[in-house]
Amino acid sequence: MKYEIFLKRMGKSIRIIRKSKKLKQEDLAKLCGVNQNYISDIENGKRNITMLKIFDIAEALNI
């Protein structure tokens, strides 16, 4: 389905930005107040996150 493609693309973008900032998943998770598995699920397109969580991630990554 189209939303699955969107989630995978968004997750891939988050991973690329996180890595460019030399952050581990664990580091980003701490900045966002979630656990590392949650970030892994997002980056792999397995979790449908809220706009508020997208905001938290964007803020943590300074984007």
PDB file of N, CA and C in Angstrom:
ATOM      1  N   MET A   1       0.828  -1.184   0.000  1.00  0.00           N
ATOM      2  CA  MET A   1       0.000   0.000   0.000  1.00  0.00           C
ATOM      3  C   MET A   1       0.877   1.255   0.000  1.00  0.00           C
ATOM      4  N   LYS A   2       0.303   2.349  -0.418  1.00  0.00           N
ATOM      5  CA  LYS A   2       1.051   3.582  -0.533  1.00  0.00           C
ATOM      6  C   LYS A   2       1.585   4.084   0.799  1.00  0.00           C
ATOM      7  N   TYR A   3       0.818   3.936   1.879  1.00  0.00           N
ATOM      8  CA  TYR A   3       1.294   4.434   3.166  1.00  0.00           C
ATOM      9  C   TYR A   3       2.518   3.661   3.649  1.00  0.00           C
ATOM     10  N   GLU A   4       2.618   2.382   3.284  1.00  0.00           N
ATOM     11  CA  GLU A   4       3.796   1.596   3.675  1.00  0.00           C
ATOM     12  C   GLU A   4       5.053   2.133   2.986  1.00  0.00           C
ATOM     13  N   ILE A   5       4.921   2.510   1.739  1.00  0.00           N
ATOM     14  CA  ILE A   5       6.048   3.097   1.000  1.00  0.00           C
ATOM     15  C   ILE A   5       6.444   4.415   1.648  1.00  0.00           C
ATOM     16  N   PHE A   6       5.449   5.224   2.006  1.00  0.00           N
ATOM     17  CA  PHE A   6       5.720   6.500   2.672  1.00  0.00           C
ATOM     18  C   PHE A   6       6.470   6.296   3.980  1.00  0.00           C
ATOM     19  N   LEU A   7       6.017   5.350   4.806  1.00  0.00           N
ATOM     20  CA  LEU A   7       6.664   5.100   6.093  1.00  0.00           C
ATOM     21  C   LEU A   7       8.109   4.643   5.905  1.00  0.00           C
ATOM     22  N   LYS A   8       8.356   3.806   4.918  1.00  0.00           N
ATOM     23  CA  LYS A   8       9.724   3.338   4.654  1.00  0.00           C
ATOM     24  C   LYS A   8      10.613   4.484   4.185  1.00  0.00           C
ATOM     25  N   ARG A   9      10.092   5.339   3.318  1.00  0.00           N
ATOM     26  CA  ARG A   9      10.880   6.480   2.832  1.00  0.00           C
ATOM     27  C   ARG A   9      11.178   7.465   3.958  1.00  0.00           C
ATOM     28  N   MET A  10      10.177   7.730   4.788  1.00  0.00           N
ATOM     29  CA  MET A  10      10.386   8.645   5.900  1.00  0.00           C
ATOM     30  C   MET A  10      11.416   8.066   6.869  1.00  0.00           C
ATOM     31  N   GLY A  11      11.298   6.778   7.164  1.00  0.00           N
ATOM     32  CA  GLY A  11      12.253   6.119   8.050  1.00  0.00           C
ATOM     33  C   GLY A  11      13.663   6.163   7.506  1.00  0.00           C
ATOM     34  N   LYS A  12      13.790   5.942   6.204  1.00  0.00           N
ATOM     35  CA  LYS A  12      15.108   5.989   5.570  1.00  0.00           C
ATOM     36  C   LYS A  12      15.693   7.391   5.665  1.00  0.00           C
ATOM     37  N   SER A  13      14.873   8.398   5.480  1.00  0.00           N
ATOM     38  CA  SER A  13      15.334   9.786   5.585  1.00  0.00           C
ATOM     39  C   SER A  13      15.805  10.102   6.997  1.00  0.00           C
ATOM     40  N   ILE A  14      15.055   9.644   7.973  1.00  0.00           N
ATOM     41  CA  ILE A  14      15.440   9.860   9.379  1.00  0.00           C
ATOM     42  C   ILE A  14      16.778   9.187   9.651  1.00  0.00           C
ATOM     43  N   ARG A  15      16.954   7.955   9.163  1.00  0.00           N
ATOM     44  CA  ARG A  15      18.215   7.227   9.363  1.00  0.00           C
ATOM     45  C   ARG A  15      19.391   7.987   8.747  1.00  0.00           C
ATOM     46  N   ILE A  16      19.212   8.451   7.519  1.00  0.00           N
ATOM     47  CA  ILE A  16      20.284   9.177   6.828  1.00  0.00           C
ATOM     48  C   ILE A  16      20.677  10.430   7.605  1.00  0.00           C
ATOM     49  N   ILE A  17      19.698  11.188   8.056  1.00  0.00           N
ATOM     50  CA  ILE A  17      19.990  12.413   8.803  1.00  0.00           C
ATOM     51  C   ILE A  17      20.642  12.079  10.139  1.00  0.00           C
ATOM     52  N   ARG A  18      20.111  11.057  10.822  1.00  0.00           N
ATOM     53  CA  ARG A  18      20.689  10.654  12.115  1.00  0.00           C
ATOM     54  C   ARG A  18      22.157  10.282  11.950  1.00  0.00           C
ATOM     55  N   LYS A  19      22.450   9.467  10.939  1.00  0.00           N
ATOM     56  CA  LYS A  19      23.828   9.040  10.716  1.00  0.00           C
ATOM     57  C   LYS A  19      24.730  10.201  10.312  1.00  0.00           C
ATOM     58  N   SER A  20      24.200  11.142   9.538  1.00  0.00           N
ATOM     59  CA  SER A  20      25.006  12.296   9.135  1.00  0.00           C
ATOM     60  C   SER A  20      25.395  13.149  10.337  1.00  0.00           C
ATOM     61  N   LYS A  21      24.590  13.067  11.390  1.00  0.00           N
ATOM     62  CA  LYS A  21      24.880  13.805  12.622  1.00  0.00           C
ATOM     63  C   LYS A  21      25.646  12.944  13.627  1.00  0.00           C
ATOM     64  N   LYS A  22      26.060  11.755  13.158  1.00  0.00           N
ATOM     65  CA  LYS A  22      26.860  10.823  13.957  1.00  0.00           C
ATOM     66  C   LYS A  22      26.176  10.426  15.271  1.00  0.00           C
ATOM     67  N   LEU A  23      24.873  10.214  15.179  1.00  0.00           N
ATOM     68  CA  LEU A  23      24.097   9.763  16.330  1.00  0.00           C
ATOM     69  C   LEU A  23      23.760   8.287  16.166  1.00  0.00           C
ATOM     70  N   LYS A  24      23.785   7.556  17.258  1.00  0.00           N
ATOM     71  CA  LYS A  24      23.301   6.179  17.274  1.00  0.00           C
ATOM     72  C   LYS A  24      21.797   6.221  17.499  1.00  0.00           C
ATOM     73  N   GLN A  25      21.135   5.127  17.182  1.00  0.00           N
ATOM     74  CA  GLN A  25      19.698   5.049  17.446  1.00  0.00           C
ATOM     75  C   GLN A  25      19.421   5.305  18.921  1.00  0.00           C
ATOM     76  N   GLU A  26      20.255   4.776  19.762  1.00  0.00           N
ATOM     77  CA  GLU A  26      20.087   4.958  21.208  1.00  0.00           C
ATOM     78  C   GLU A  26      20.169   6.442  21.587  1.00  0.00           C
ATOM     79  N   ASP A  27      21.088   7.174  20.966  1.00  0.00           N
ATOM     80  CA  ASP A  27      21.229   8.602  21.238  1.00  0.00           C
ATOM     81  C   ASP A  27      19.960   9.357  20.843  1.00  0.00           C
ATOM     82  N   LEU A  28      19.464   9.083  19.643  1.00  0.00           N
ATOM     83  CA  LEU A  28      18.255   9.745  19.174  1.00  0.00           C
ATOM     84  C   LEU A  28      17.066   9.375  20.058  1.00  0.00           C
ATOM     85  N   ALA A  29      17.000   8.127  20.442  1.00  0.00           N
ATOM     86  CA  ALA A  29      15.909   7.683  21.309  1.00  0.00           C
ATOM     87  C   ALA A  29      15.896   8.462  22.617  1.00  0.00           C
ATOM     88  N   LYS A  30      17.048   8.638  23.227  1.00  0.00           N
ATOM     89  CA  LYS A  30      17.126   9.394  24.483  1.00  0.00           C
ATOM     90  C   LYS A  30      16.677  10.834  24.286  1.00  0.00           C
ATOM     91  N   LEU A  31      17.094  11.445  23.175  1.00  0.00           N
ATOM     92  CA  LEU A  31      16.700  12.826  22.896  1.00  0.00           C
ATOM     93  C   LEU A  31      15.193  12.969  22.692  1.00  0.00           C
ATOM     94  N   CYS A  32      14.564  11.896  22.205  1.00  0.00           N
ATOM     95  CA  CYS A  32      13.127  11.928  21.917  1.00  0.00           C
ATOM     96  C   CYS A  32      12.272  11.345  23.035  1.00  0.00           C
ATOM     97  N   GLY A  33      12.905  10.765  24.033  1.00  0.00           N
ATOM     98  CA  GLY A  33      12.150  10.184  25.145  1.00  0.00           C
ATOM     99  C   GLY A  33      11.477   8.867  24.814  1.00  0.00           C
ATOM    100  N   VAL A  34      12.098   8.098  23.919  1.00  0.00           N
ATOM    101  CA  VAL A  34      11.579   6.775  23.567  1.00  0.00           C
ATOM    102  C   VAL A  34      12.717   5.764  23.684  1.00  0.00           C
ATOM    103  N   ASN A  35      12.424   4.483  23.431  1.00  0.00           N
ATOM    104  CA  ASN A  35      13.499   3.502  23.486  1.00  0.00           C
ATOM    105  C   ASN A  35      14.077   3.253  22.093  1.00  0.00           C
ATOM    106  N   GLN A  36      15.211   2.607  22.051  1.00  0.00           N
ATOM    107  CA  GLN A  36      15.932   2.366  20.797  1.00  0.00           C
ATOM    108  C   GLN A  36      15.108   1.535  19.825  1.00  0.00           C
ATOM    109  N   ASN A  37      14.337   0.587  20.323  1.00  0.00           N
ATOM    110  CA  ASN A  37      13.508  -0.248  19.450  1.00  0.00           C
ATOM    111  C   ASN A  37      12.476   0.578  18.701  1.00  0.00           C
ATOM    112  N   TYR A  38      11.955   1.606  19.339  1.00  0.00           N
ATOM    113  CA  TYR A  38      10.978   2.499  18.716  1.00  0.00           C
ATOM    114  C   TYR A  38      11.614   3.206  17.516  1.00  0.00           C
ATOM    115  N   ILE A  39      12.827   3.730  17.705  1.00  0.00           N
ATOM    116  CA  ILE A  39      13.540   4.399  16.616  1.00  0.00           C
ATOM    117  C   ILE A  39      13.836   3.403  15.496  1.00  0.00           C
ATOM    118  N   SER A  40      14.245   2.199  15.851  1.00  0.00           N
ATOM    119  CA  SER A  40      14.513   1.167  14.852  1.00  0.00           C
ATOM    120  C   SER A  40      13.260   0.881  14.023  1.00  0.00           C
ATOM    121  N   ASP A  41      12.121   0.737  14.691  1.00  0.00           N
ATOM    122  CA  ASP A  41      10.860   0.491  13.980  1.00  0.00           C
ATOM    123  C   ASP A  41      10.522   1.636  13.026  1.00  0.00           C
ATOM    124  N   ILE A  42      10.745   2.871  13.466  1.00  0.00           N
ATOM    125  CA  ILE A  42      10.477   4.027  12.610  1.00  0.00           C
ATOM    126  C   ILE A  42      11.377   3.971  11.378  1.00  0.00           C
ATOM    127  N   GLU A  43      12.662   3.783  11.602  1.00  0.00           N
ATOM    128  CA  GLU A  43      13.621   3.777  10.499  1.00  0.00           C
ATOM    129  C   GLU A  43      13.385   2.635   9.512  1.00  0.00           C
ATOM    130  N   ASN A  44      12.774   1.572   9.971  1.00  0.00           N
ATOM    131  CA  ASN A  44      12.485   0.432   9.105  1.00  0.00           C
ATOM    132  C   ASN A  44      11.066   0.466   8.544  1.00  0.00           C
ATOM    133  N   GLY A  45      10.355   1.565   8.777  1.00  0.00           N
ATOM    134  CA  GLY A  45       9.005   1.719   8.242  1.00  0.00           C
ATOM    135  C   GLY A  45       7.979   0.817   8.870  1.00  0.00           C
ATOM    136  N   LYS A  46       8.232   0.378  10.093  1.00  0.00           N
ATOM    137  CA  LYS A  46       7.331  -0.557  10.771  1.00  0.00           C
ATOM    138  C   LYS A  46       6.412   0.117  11.783  1.00  0.00           C
ATOM    139  N   ARG A  47       6.570   1.427  11.963  1.00  0.00           N
ATOM    140  CA  ARG A  47       5.766   2.105  12.971  1.00  0.00           C
ATOM    141  C   ARG A  47       5.155   3.366  12.369  1.00  0.00           C
ATOM    142  N   ASN A  48       3.854   3.504  12.558  1.00  0.00           N
ATOM    143  CA  ASN A  48       3.140   4.693  12.111  1.00  0.00           C
ATOM    144  C   ASN A  48       3.139   5.681  13.280  1.00  0.00           C
ATOM    145  N   ILE A  49       3.950   6.720  13.168  1.00  0.00           N
ATOM    146  CA  ILE A  49       4.120   7.638  14.290  1.00  0.00           C
ATOM    147  C   ILE A  49       3.251   8.876  14.121  1.00  0.00           C
ATOM    148  N   THR A  50       3.007   9.546  15.231  1.00  0.00           N
ATOM    149  CA  THR A  50       2.178  10.743  15.225  1.00  0.00           C
ATOM    150  C   THR A  50       2.987  11.956  14.763  1.00  0.00           C
ATOM    151  N   MET A  51       2.279  12.990  14.408  1.00  0.00           N
ATOM    152  CA  MET A  51       2.932  14.251  14.028  1.00  0.00           C
ATOM    153  C   MET A  51       3.732  14.803  15.204  1.00  0.00           C
ATOM    154  N   LEU A  52       3.262  14.598  16.409  1.00  0.00           N
ATOM    155  CA  LEU A  52       3.993  15.081  17.583  1.00  0.00           C
ATOM    156  C   LEU A  52       5.332  14.364  17.727  1.00  0.00           C
ATOM    157  N   LYS A  53       5.364  13.085  17.433  1.00  0.00           N
ATOM    158  CA  LYS A  53       6.629  12.347  17.512  1.00  0.00           C
ATOM    159  C   LYS A  53       7.553  12.755  16.373  1.00  0.00           C
ATOM    160  N   ILE A  54       6.989  13.035  15.199  1.00  0.00           N
ATOM    161  CA  ILE A  54       7.805  13.550  14.097  1.00  0.00           C
ATOM    162  C   ILE A  54       8.432  14.881  14.517  1.00  0.00           C
ATOM    163  N   PHE A  55       7.660  15.712  15.183  1.00  0.00           N
ATOM    164  CA  PHE A  55       8.180  16.988  15.691  1.00  0.00           C
ATOM    165  C   PHE A  55       9.326  16.752  16.661  1.00  0.00           C
ATOM    166  N   ASP A  56       9.165  15.812  17.590  1.00  0.00           N
ATOM    167  CA  ASP A  56      10.226  15.499  18.561  1.00  0.00           C
ATOM    168  C   ASP A  56      11.509  15.046  17.858  1.00  0.00           C
ATOM    169  N   ILE A  57      11.354  14.195  16.853  1.00  0.00           N
ATOM    170  CA  ILE A  57      12.512  13.697  16.109  1.00  0.00           C
ATOM    171  C   ILE A  57      13.193  14.836  15.352  1.00  0.00           C
ATOM    172  N   ALA A  58      12.387  15.652  14.675  1.00  0.00           N
ATOM    173  CA  ALA A  58      12.940  16.780  13.928  1.00  0.00           C
ATOM    174  C   ALA A  58      13.684  17.738  14.856  1.00  0.00           C
ATOM    175  N   GLU A  59      13.101  17.995  16.004  1.00  0.00           N
ATOM    176  CA  GLU A  59      13.757  18.873  16.983  1.00  0.00           C
ATOM    177  C   GLU A  59      15.067  18.269  17.481  1.00  0.00           C
ATOM    178  N   ALA A  60      15.062  16.972  17.771  1.00  0.00           N
ATOM    179  CA  ALA A  60      16.269  16.289  18.246  1.00  0.00           C
ATOM    180  C   ALA A  60      17.372  16.301  17.194  1.00  0.00           C
ATOM    181  N   LEU A  61      16.972  16.242  15.910  1.00  0.00           N
ATOM    182  CA  LEU A  61      17.948  16.236  14.819  1.00  0.00           C
ATOM    183  C   LEU A  61      18.263  17.650  14.312  1.00  0.00           C
ATOM    184  N   ASN A  62      17.640  18.647  14.922  1.00  0.00           N
ATOM    185  CA  ASN A  62      17.836  20.056  14.509  1.00  0.00           C
ATOM    186  C   ASN A  62      17.504  20.284  13.043  1.00  0.00           C
ATOM    187  N   ILE A  63      16.361  19.750  12.632  1.00  0.00           N
ATOM    188  CA  ILE A  63      15.912  19.965  11.247  1.00  0.00           C
ATOM    189  C   ILE A  63      14.511  20.547  11.257  1.00  0.00           C
TER     190      ILE A  63
END
